[in-house]
C-alpha atoms as a PDB file:
ATOM      1  CA  MET A   1     137.138 109.021  83.010  1.00  0.00           C
ATOM      2  CA  GLY A   2     135.826 110.696  86.179  1.00  0.00           C
ATOM      3  CA  ASN A   3     132.920 108.895  87.779  1.00  0.00           C
ATOM      4  CA  GLN A   4     131.925 107.339  84.479  1.00  0.00           C
ATOM      5  CA  LYS A   5     132.157 103.544  84.532  1.00  0.00           C
ATOM      6  CA  PRO A   6     133.912 101.716  81.686  1.00  0.00           C
ATOM      7  CA  ALA A   7     131.543 100.142  79.191  1.00  0.00           C
ATOM      8  CA  TRP A   8     132.694  96.608  80.039  1.00  0.00           C
ATOM      9  CA  LEU A   9     132.126  97.215  83.751  1.00  0.00           C
ATOM     10  CA  GLU A  10     128.558  98.414  83.173  1.00  0.00           C
ATOM     11  CA  ALA A  11     127.874  95.451  80.893  1.00  0.00           C
ATOM     12  CA  LEU A  12     129.375  92.924  83.332  1.00  0.00           C
ATOM     13  CA  TYR A  13     126.975  94.170  85.976  1.00  0.00           C
ATOM     14  CA  MET A  14     123.920  94.262  83.696  1.00  0.00           C
ATOM     15  CA  GLN A  15     124.371  91.138  81.580  1.00  0.00           C
ATOM     16  CA  LYS A  16     122.503  87.938  82.413  1.00  0.00           C
ATOM     17  CA  PHE A  17     124.434  84.702  82.665  1.00  0.00           C
ATOM     18  CA  PHE A  18     123.548  81.009  82.759  1.00  0.00           C
ATOM     19  CA  ILE A  19     120.689  81.409  80.319  1.00  0.00           C
ATOM     20  CA  SER A  20     120.427  79.688  76.945  1.00  0.00           C
ATOM     21  CA  CYS A  21     122.272  81.283  74.070  1.00  0.00           C
ATOM     22  CA  PRO A  22     119.795  82.248  71.310  1.00  0.00           C
ATOM     23  CA  ILE A  23     122.437  81.683  68.630  1.00  0.00           C
ATOM     24  CA  HIS A  24     123.059  78.076  69.730  1.00  0.00           C
ATOM     25  CA  GLU A  25     119.669  77.260  71.197  1.00  0.00           C
ATOM     26  CA  ASN A  26     119.706  73.740  69.701  1.00  0.00           C
ATOM     27  CA  SER A  27     123.171  72.855  70.982  1.00  0.00           C
ATOM     28  CA  LYS A  28     124.147  71.238  74.243  1.00  0.00           C
ATOM     29  CA  LYS A  29     126.120  73.199  76.848  1.00  0.00           C
ATOM     30  CA  ASN A  30     124.743  76.468  75.493  1.00  0.00           C
ATOM     31  CA  GLU A  31     124.531  78.391  78.769  1.00  0.00           C
ATOM     32  CA  LYS A  32     126.116  81.825  78.736  1.00  0.00           C
ATOM     33  CA  ASN A  33     129.025  81.604  81.157  1.00  0.00           C
ATOM     34  CA  VAL A  34     131.651  83.781  79.457  1.00  0.00           C
ATOM     35  CA  PHE A  35     131.879  87.563  79.309  1.00  0.00           C
ATOM     36  CA  CYS A  36     133.582  89.350  76.414  1.00  0.00           C
ATOM     37  CA  LEU A  37     135.076  92.660  77.522  1.00  0.00           C
ATOM     38  CA  ASP A  38     135.552  93.881  73.952  1.00  0.00           C
ATOM     39  CA  CYS A  39     131.972  93.196  72.865  1.00  0.00           C
ATOM     40  CA  CYS A  40     130.462  93.917  76.299  1.00  0.00           C
ATOM     41  CA  THR A  41     128.207  90.893  76.132  1.00  0.00           C
ATOM     42  CA  SER A  42     127.742  87.420  77.578  1.00  0.00           C
ATOM     43  CA  ILE A  43     128.427  84.423  75.351  1.00  0.00           C
ATOM     44  CA  CYS A  44     128.265  80.633  75.533  1.00  0.00           C
ATOM     45  CA  PRO A  45     131.115  78.134  74.976  1.00  0.00           C
ATOM     46  CA  HIS A  46     130.041  77.670  71.341  1.00  0.00           C
ATOM     47  CA  CYS A  47     130.589  81.412  70.749  1.00  0.00           C
ATOM     48  CA  VAL A  48     134.133  81.400  72.138  1.00  0.00           C
ATOM     49  CA  PRO A  49     135.900  80.586  68.824  1.00  0.00           C
ATOM     50  CA  SER A  50     134.338  83.716  67.292  1.00  0.00           C
ATOM     51  CA  HIS A  51     135.785  85.819  70.141  1.00  0.00           C
ATOM     52  CA  ARG A  52     139.133  84.047  70.480  1.00  0.00           C
ATOM     53  CA  PHE A  53     141.114  87.265  69.916  1.00  0.00           C
ATOM     54  CA  HIS A  54     139.052  89.228  72.462  1.00  0.00           C
ATOM     55  CA  ARG A  55     139.458  89.616  76.191  1.00  0.00           C
ATOM     56  CA  LEU A  56     137.367  86.912  77.819  1.00  0.00           C
ATOM     57  CA  VAL A  57     136.554  86.071  81.412  1.00  0.00           C
ATOM     58  CA  GLN A  58     134.656  83.055  82.685  1.00  0.00           C
ATOM     59  CA  VAL A  59     131.673  83.588  84.966  1.00  0.00           C
ATOM     60  CA  ARG A  60     130.905  80.915  87.535  1.00  0.00           C
ATOM     61  CA  ARG A  61     127.959  80.186  89.811  1.00  0.00           C
ATOM     62  CA  TYR A  62     128.145  80.158  93.608  1.00  0.00           C
ATOM     63  CA  VAL A  63     125.099  79.957  95.908  1.00  0.00           C
ATOM     64  CA  TYR A  64     122.858  81.146  93.053  1.00  0.00           C
ATOM     65  CA  HIS A  65     124.966  84.224  92.330  1.00  0.00           C
ATOM     66  CA  ASP A  66     127.418  85.097  89.562  1.00  0.00           C
ATOM     67  CA  VAL A  67     131.077  85.116  90.547  1.00  0.00           C
ATOM     68  CA  VAL A  68     134.415  85.616  88.779  1.00  0.00           C
ATOM     69  CA  ARG A  69     137.812  84.338  89.789  1.00  0.00           C
ATOM     70  CA  LEU A  70     139.736  86.909  91.782  1.00  0.00           C
ATOM     71  CA  GLU A  71     142.817  86.168  89.692  1.00  0.00           C
ATOM     72  CA  ASP A  72     140.975  87.251  86.528  1.00  0.00           C
ATOM     73  CA  LEU A  73     139.356  90.361  88.000  1.00  0.00           C
ATOM     74  CA  GLU A  74     142.626  91.609  89.469  1.00  0.00           C
ATOM     75  CA  LYS A  75     143.949  91.964  85.928  1.00  0.00           C
ATOM     76  CA  ILE A  76     141.315  94.544  84.979  1.00  0.00           C
ATOM     77  CA  ILE A  77     140.293  96.278  88.215  1.00  0.00           C
ATOM     78  CA  ASP A  78     141.554  96.742  91.757  1.00  0.00           C
ATOM     79  CA  CYS A  79     139.689  94.278  93.994  1.00  0.00           C
ATOM     80  CA  SER A  80     141.307  95.152  97.301  1.00  0.00           C
ATOM     81  CA  ASN A  81     139.003  95.165 100.351  1.00  0.00           C
ATOM     82  CA  VAL A  82     136.475  92.948  98.505  1.00  0.00           C
ATOM     83  CA  GLN A  83     135.821  89.724 100.388  1.00  0.00           C
ATOM     84  CA  ALA A  84     136.654  86.628  98.330  1.00  0.00           C
ATOM     85  CA  TYR A  85     135.328  83.098  98.732  1.00  0.00           C
ATOM     86  CA  THR A  86     136.953  79.795  97.827  1.00  0.00           C
ATOM     87  CA  ILE A  87     135.293  77.302  95.486  1.00  0.00           C
ATOM     88  CA  ASN A  88     137.148  74.402  93.871  1.00  0.00           C
ATOM     89  CA  SER A  89     140.467  75.671  95.252  1.00  0.00           C
ATOM     90  CA  ALA A  90     140.014  79.045  93.533  1.00  0.00           C
ATOM     91  CA  LYS A  91     139.157  82.384  95.095  1.00  0.00           C
ATOM     92  CA  VAL A  92     136.116  84.100  93.572  1.00  0.00           C
ATOM     93  CA  VAL A  93     134.407  87.468  93.974  1.00  0.00           C
ATOM     94  CA  PHE A  94     130.688  88.210  93.648  1.00  0.00           C
ATOM     95  CA  ILE A  95     129.786  90.538  90.793  1.00  0.00           C
ATOM     96  CA  LYS A  96     126.547  92.050  92.074  1.00  0.00           C
ATOM     97  CA  LYS A  97     125.263  93.250  95.404  1.00  0.00           C
ATOM     98  CA  ARG A  98     123.616  90.746  97.730  1.00  0.00           C
ATOM     99  CA  PRO A  99     121.357  92.757 100.033  1.00  0.00           C
ATOM    100  CA  GLN A 100     120.017  90.997 103.106  1.00  0.00           C
ATOM    101  CA  ASN A 101     116.391  91.051 104.177  1.00  0.00           C
ATOM    102  CA  ARG A 102     117.209  91.045 107.866  1.00  0.00           C
ATOM    103  CA  GLN A 103     119.573  93.671 109.165  1.00  0.00           C
ATOM    104  CA  PHE A 104     121.433  92.538 112.243  1.00  0.00           C
ATOM    105  CA  LYS A 105     124.499  94.464 113.290  1.00  0.00           C
ATOM    106  CA  GLY A 106     126.946  93.207 115.846  1.00  0.00           C
ATOM    107  CA  SER A 107     130.686  93.377 116.155  1.00  0.00           C
ATOM    108  CA  GLY A 108     132.824  93.044 113.046  1.00  0.00           C
ATOM    109  CA  ASN A 109     132.987  94.526 109.561  1.00  0.00           C
ATOM    110  CA  TYR A 110     130.003  95.263 107.352  1.00  0.00           C
ATOM    111  CA  CYS A 111     129.662  95.940 103.658  1.00  0.00           C
ATOM    112  CA  THR A 112     129.673  99.630 102.776  1.00  0.00           C
ATOM    113  CA  SER A 113     126.647  99.229 100.482  1.00  0.00           C
ATOM    114  CA  CYS A 114     124.424  96.380 101.673  1.00  0.00           C
ATOM    115  CA  ASP A 115     125.389  96.004 105.370  1.00  0.00           C
ATOM    116  CA  ARG A 116     126.321  92.339 104.943  1.00  0.00           C
ATOM    117  CA  SER A 117     128.514  90.938 107.691  1.00  0.00           C
ATOM    118  CA  LEU A 118     132.106  90.450 106.507  1.00  0.00           C
ATOM    119  CA  GLN A 119     135.373  89.138 107.790  1.00  0.00           C
ATOM    120  CA  GLU A 120     138.139  91.559 108.647  1.00  0.00           C
ATOM    121  CA  PRO A 121     139.703  93.448 106.938  1.00  0.00           C
ATOM    122  CA  TYR A 122     137.141  93.435 104.095  1.00  0.00           C
ATOM    123  CA  ILE A 123     134.597  96.227 103.697  1.00  0.00           C
ATOM    124  CA  HIS A 124     132.919  95.265 100.381  1.00  0.00           C
ATOM    125  CA  CYS A 125     130.979  92.037  99.735  1.00  0.00           C
ATOM    126  CA  SER A 126     131.009  92.315  95.942  1.00  0.00           C
ATOM    127  CA  LEU A 127     132.610  94.134  93.043  1.00  0.00           C
ATOM    128  CA  GLY A 128     129.420  96.138  92.528  1.00  0.00           C
ATOM    129  CA  CYS A 129     129.482  97.348  96.130  1.00  0.00           C
ATOM    130  CA  LYS A 130     133.046  98.604  95.793  1.00  0.00           C
ATOM    131  CA  VAL A 131     132.339 100.387  92.506  1.00  0.00           C
ATOM    132  CA  ASP A 132     129.325 102.174  93.991  1.00  0.00           C
ATOM    133  CA  PHE A 133     131.384 103.148  97.038  1.00  0.00           C
ATOM    134  CA  LEU A 134     134.182 104.584  94.894  1.00  0.00           C
ATOM    135  CA  VAL A 135     131.814 106.544  92.666  1.00  0.00           C
ATOM    136  CA  LYS A 136     129.958 107.951  95.664  1.00  0.00           C
ATOM    137  CA  HIS A 137     132.971 108.996  97.729  1.00  0.00           C
ATOM    138  CA  TYR A 138     135.827 109.531  95.280  1.00  0.00           C
ATOM    139  CA  LYS A 139     133.984 110.407  92.054  1.00  0.00           C
ATOM    140  CA  ASP A 140     136.752 108.789  90.024  1.00  0.00           C
ATOM    141  CA  LEU A 141     137.333 105.168  88.983  1.00  0.00           C
ATOM    142  CA  SER A 142     140.385 105.684  86.780  1.00  0.00           C
ATOM    143  CA  PRO A 143     142.976 104.949  89.524  1.00  0.00           C
ATOM    144  CA  TYR A 144     141.361 101.547  90.075  1.00  0.00           C
ATOM    145  CA  ILE A 145     140.979 100.437  86.448  1.00  0.00           C
ATOM    146  CA  ARG A 146     143.959  98.428  85.249  1.00  0.00           C
ATOM    147  CA  PRO A 147     145.082  98.310  81.607  1.00  0.00           C
ATOM    148  CA  CYS A 148     144.707  94.832  80.187  1.00  0.00           C
ATOM    149  CA  HIS A 149     145.258  94.049  76.515  1.00  0.00           C
ATOM    150  CA  THR A 150     144.986  90.262  76.653  1.00  0.00           C
ATOM    151  CA  LEU A 151     142.765  88.153  78.867  1.00  0.00           C
ATOM    152  CA  GLN A 152     142.270  84.493  78.055  1.00  0.00           C
ATOM    153  CA  LEU A 153     140.163  81.750  79.556  1.00  0.00           C
ATOM    154  CA  SER A 154     141.749  79.182  81.831  1.00  0.00           C
ATOM    155  CA  PRO A 155     143.202  76.080  80.116  1.00  0.00           C
ATOM    156  CA  ASP A 156     140.593  73.823  81.730  1.00  0.00           C
ATOM    157  CA  PHE A 157     137.701  75.694  80.094  1.00  0.00           C
ATOM    158  CA  PHE A 158     135.755  73.300  77.849  1.00  0.00           C
ATOM    159  CA  VAL A 159     135.068  74.546  74.313  1.00  0.00           C
ATOM    160  CA  PRO A 160     132.742  72.207  72.344  1.00  0.00           C
ATOM    161  CA  GLN A 161     134.250  71.016  69.075  1.00  0.00           C
ATOM    162  CA  GLU A 162     131.830  71.182  66.168  1.00  0.00           C
ATOM    163  CA  MET A 163     132.288  68.165  63.887  1.00  0.00           C
ATOM    164  CA  GLY A 164     131.612  68.249  60.180  1.00  0.00           C
ATOM    165  CA  ASP A 165     129.628  65.773  58.136  1.00  0.00           C
ATOM    166  CA  ASP A 166     132.707  63.780  57.105  1.00  0.00           C
ATOM    167  CA  GLU A 167     133.819  63.326  60.696  1.00  0.00           C
ATOM    168  CA  MET A 168     130.357  62.348  61.802  1.00  0.00           C
ATOM    169  CA  THR A 169     130.271  59.681  59.094  1.00  0.00           C
ATOM    170  CA  TYR A 170     133.415  57.929  60.275  1.00  0.00           C
ATOM    171  CA  GLU A 171     133.539  58.775  63.949  1.00  0.00           C
ATOM    172  CA  THR A 172     130.392  58.592  65.996  1.00  0.00           C
ATOM    173  CA  PRO A 173     130.208  57.791  69.698  1.00  0.00           C
ATOM    174  CA  HIS A 174     130.109  54.055  70.403  1.00  0.00           C
ATOM    175  CA  SER A 175     129.886  53.198  66.704  1.00  0.00           C
ATOM    176  CA  THR A 176     131.011  49.987  65.037  1.00  0.00           C
ATOM    177  CA  ILE A 177     133.118  50.438  61.917  1.00  0.00           C
ATOM    178  CA  VAL A 178     133.880  47.374  59.814  1.00  0.00           C
ATOM    179  CA  ASP A 179     135.835  47.149  56.568  1.00  0.00           C
ATOM    180  CA  GLY A 180     134.194  44.537  54.375  1.00  0.00           C
ATOM    181  CA  THR A 181     137.449  43.711  52.585  1.00  0.00           C
ATOM    182  CA  GLU A 182     139.154  42.645  55.790  1.00  0.00           C
ATOM    183  CA  TYR A 183     136.343  40.822  57.488  1.00  0.00           C
ATOM    184  CA  GLU A 184     134.715  37.608  56.299  1.00  0.00           C
ATOM    185  CA  PRO A 185     132.439  35.977  58.857  1.00  0.00           C
ATOM    186  CA  MET A 186     133.048  32.207  59.050  1.00  0.00           C
ATOM    187  CA  CYS A 187     132.217  29.596  61.652  1.00  0.00           C
ATOM    188  CA  TRP A 188     133.776  26.302  62.533  1.00  0.00           C
ATOM    189  CA  SER A 189     132.514  23.655  60.078  1.00  0.00           C
ATOM    190  CA  SER A 190     133.517  20.287  58.761  1.00  0.00           C
ATOM    191  CA  GLY A 191     132.570  18.296  55.727  1.00  0.00           C
ATOM    192  CA  SER A 192     133.597  15.015  54.123  1.00  0.00           C
ATOM    193  CA  SER A 193     134.137  14.174  50.488  1.00  0.00           C
ATOM    194  CA  GLY A 194     134.946  10.566  49.943  1.00  0.00           C
ATOM    195  CA  SER A 195     137.752   9.571  52.240  1.00  0.00           C
ATOM    196  CA  GLU A 196     138.939  13.137  52.759  1.00  0.00           C
ATOM    197  CA  THR A 197     137.614  15.350  55.524  1.00  0.00           C
ATOM    198  CA  MET A 198     137.964  19.105  55.352  1.00  0.00           C
ATOM    199  CA  SER A 199     137.542  21.664  58.107  1.00  0.00           C
ATOM    200  CA  VAL A 200     137.696  25.422  57.918  1.00  0.00           C
ATOM    201  CA  GLY A 201     137.900  27.769  60.862  1.00  0.00           C
ATOM    202  CA  CYS A 202     137.978  31.469  61.450  1.00  0.00           C
ATOM    203  CA  THR A 203     137.970  33.450  64.620  1.00  0.00           C
ATOM    204  CA  THR A 204     136.768  36.993  64.979  1.00  0.00           C
ATOM    205  CA  SER A 205     138.412  39.134  67.620  1.00  0.00           C
ATOM    206  CA  PHE A 206     137.103  42.472  68.741  1.00  0.00           C
ATOM    207  CA  VAL A 207     139.608  45.180  69.536  1.00  0.00           C
ATOM    208  CA  ARG A 208     138.227  48.227  71.277  1.00  0.00           C
ATOM    209  CA  LYS A 209     140.175  51.394  70.641  1.00  0.00           C
ATOM    210  CA  LYS A 210     139.683  54.906  71.917  1.00  0.00           C
ATOM    211  CA  ARG A 211     140.501  57.774  69.584  1.00  0.00           C
ATOM    212  CA  SER A 212     139.680  61.480  70.031  1.00  0.00           C
ATOM    213  CA  GLY A 213     137.098  60.792  72.696  1.00  0.00           C
ATOM    214  CA  LEU A 214     135.142  58.475  70.401  1.00  0.00           C
ATOM    215  CA  TYR A 215     135.025  54.745  70.837  1.00  0.00           C
ATOM    216  CA  LEU A 216     135.732  52.687  67.731  1.00  0.00           C
ATOM    217  CA  CYS A 217     135.390  48.941  67.296  1.00  0.00           C
ATOM    218  CA  GLY A 218     137.424  46.988  64.753  1.00  0.00           C
ATOM    219  CA  ARG A 219     137.499  43.330  63.751  1.00  0.00           C
ATOM    220  CA  SER A 220     140.423  41.233  62.593  1.00  0.00           C
ATOM    221  CA  ALA A 221     140.499  37.696  61.212  1.00  0.00           C
ATOM    222  CA  THR A 222     143.154  35.211  62.345  1.00  0.00           C
ATOM    223  CA  LYS A 223     144.392  32.143  60.523  1.00  0.00           C
ATOM    224  CA  VAL A 224     143.924  28.713  62.054  1.00  0.00           C
ATOM    225  CA  SER A 225     147.112  26.876  62.932  1.00  0.00           C
ATOM    226  CA  ALA A 226     147.869  23.373  61.677  1.00  0.00           C
ATOM    227  CA  GLU A 227     147.395  21.889  65.152  1.00  0.00           C
ATOM    228  CA  GLU A 228     143.966  23.481  65.501  1.00  0.00           C
ATOM    229  CA  GLU A 229     143.017  22.179  62.053  1.00  0.00           C
ATOM    230  CA  ASP A 230     144.096  18.622  62.922  1.00  0.00           C
ATOM    231  CA  MET A 231     142.142  18.849  66.163  1.00  0.00           C
ATOM    232  CA  ALA A 232     139.053  19.992  64.297  1.00  0.00           C
ATOM    233  CA  THR A 233     139.474  17.105  61.865  1.00  0.00           C
ATOM    234  CA  CYS A 234     139.659  14.581  64.665  1.00  0.00           C
ATOM    235  CA  ILE A 235     136.621  16.006  66.351  1.00  0.00           C
ATOM    236  CA  SER A 236     134.663  15.933  63.110  1.00  0.00           C
ATOM    237  CA  ARG A 237     135.215  12.210  62.450  1.00  0.00           C
ATOM    238  CA  ARG A 238     132.193  10.085  63.138  1.00  0.00           C
ATOM    239  CA  LYS A 239     132.399   7.460  65.778  1.00  0.00           C
ATOM    240  CA  GLY A 240     131.651   3.858  64.861  1.00  0.00           C
ATOM    241  CA  ILE A 241     128.235   2.381  65.485  1.00  0.00           C
ATOM    242  CA  PRO A 242     128.228   0.797  68.951  1.00  0.00           C
ATOM    243  CA  HIS A 243     127.554  -2.973  69.089  1.00  0.00           C
ATOM    244  CA  ARG A 244     125.577  -4.486  71.910  1.00  0.00           C
ATOM    245  CA  SER A 245     126.653  -7.726  73.456  1.00  0.00           C
ATOM    246  CA  PRO A 246     124.365 -10.691  72.692  1.00  0.00           C
ATOM    247  CA  LEU A 247     121.682 -11.465  75.234  1.00  0.00           C
ATOM    248  CA  CYS A 248     122.174 -14.656  77.195  1.00  0.00           C
END
């Protein structure tokens, strides 16, 4: 290999992340935040299923710079002496150099490439700084490149699920689905025919269920008990006409 950088390493340094994916420009969550080592390109979450058998690494954002989890990078390249930072309980490493406008040197360690102040015992502030240092002084990257045949995204990585037309018809967010054969809207009513009084009642109960991240609403009809029917009958009977007492 000599001082020649692997294709994926060159691409990781040159690719742009957190820009809209032109393939899924009309989709939500279409920012490119994944790097495919086999294709040497940045992809968005919607592209992940097409690269599911490739080596993938997630790129994150920290103080306006691209970072990768140290745990992931250690599988493909030696990251010793590169200062790591902690975000969301995970250690990350900057991909590119971060040169400073003001150069102020005091006691302590400094980056070998951009003179950024570092904590001991680190001497590189990013992966790019270490690679440039190795190429300049050792002329050979092969001892630091690690063989990696499989590299998968973390289990908490969100991959959007594309739903077909059939699924969209029956499961839409916050939709109301009613089966006409099971639901007959009726209200409390009473009527009299001769000496017989009839009353019919029906209650409609709403049961909110959650299924596959989509909220569904169903209705069920309940029968009226005999006691409720008798009560409705009593309530529906007309009261007699009140009689006033004669005036004295």
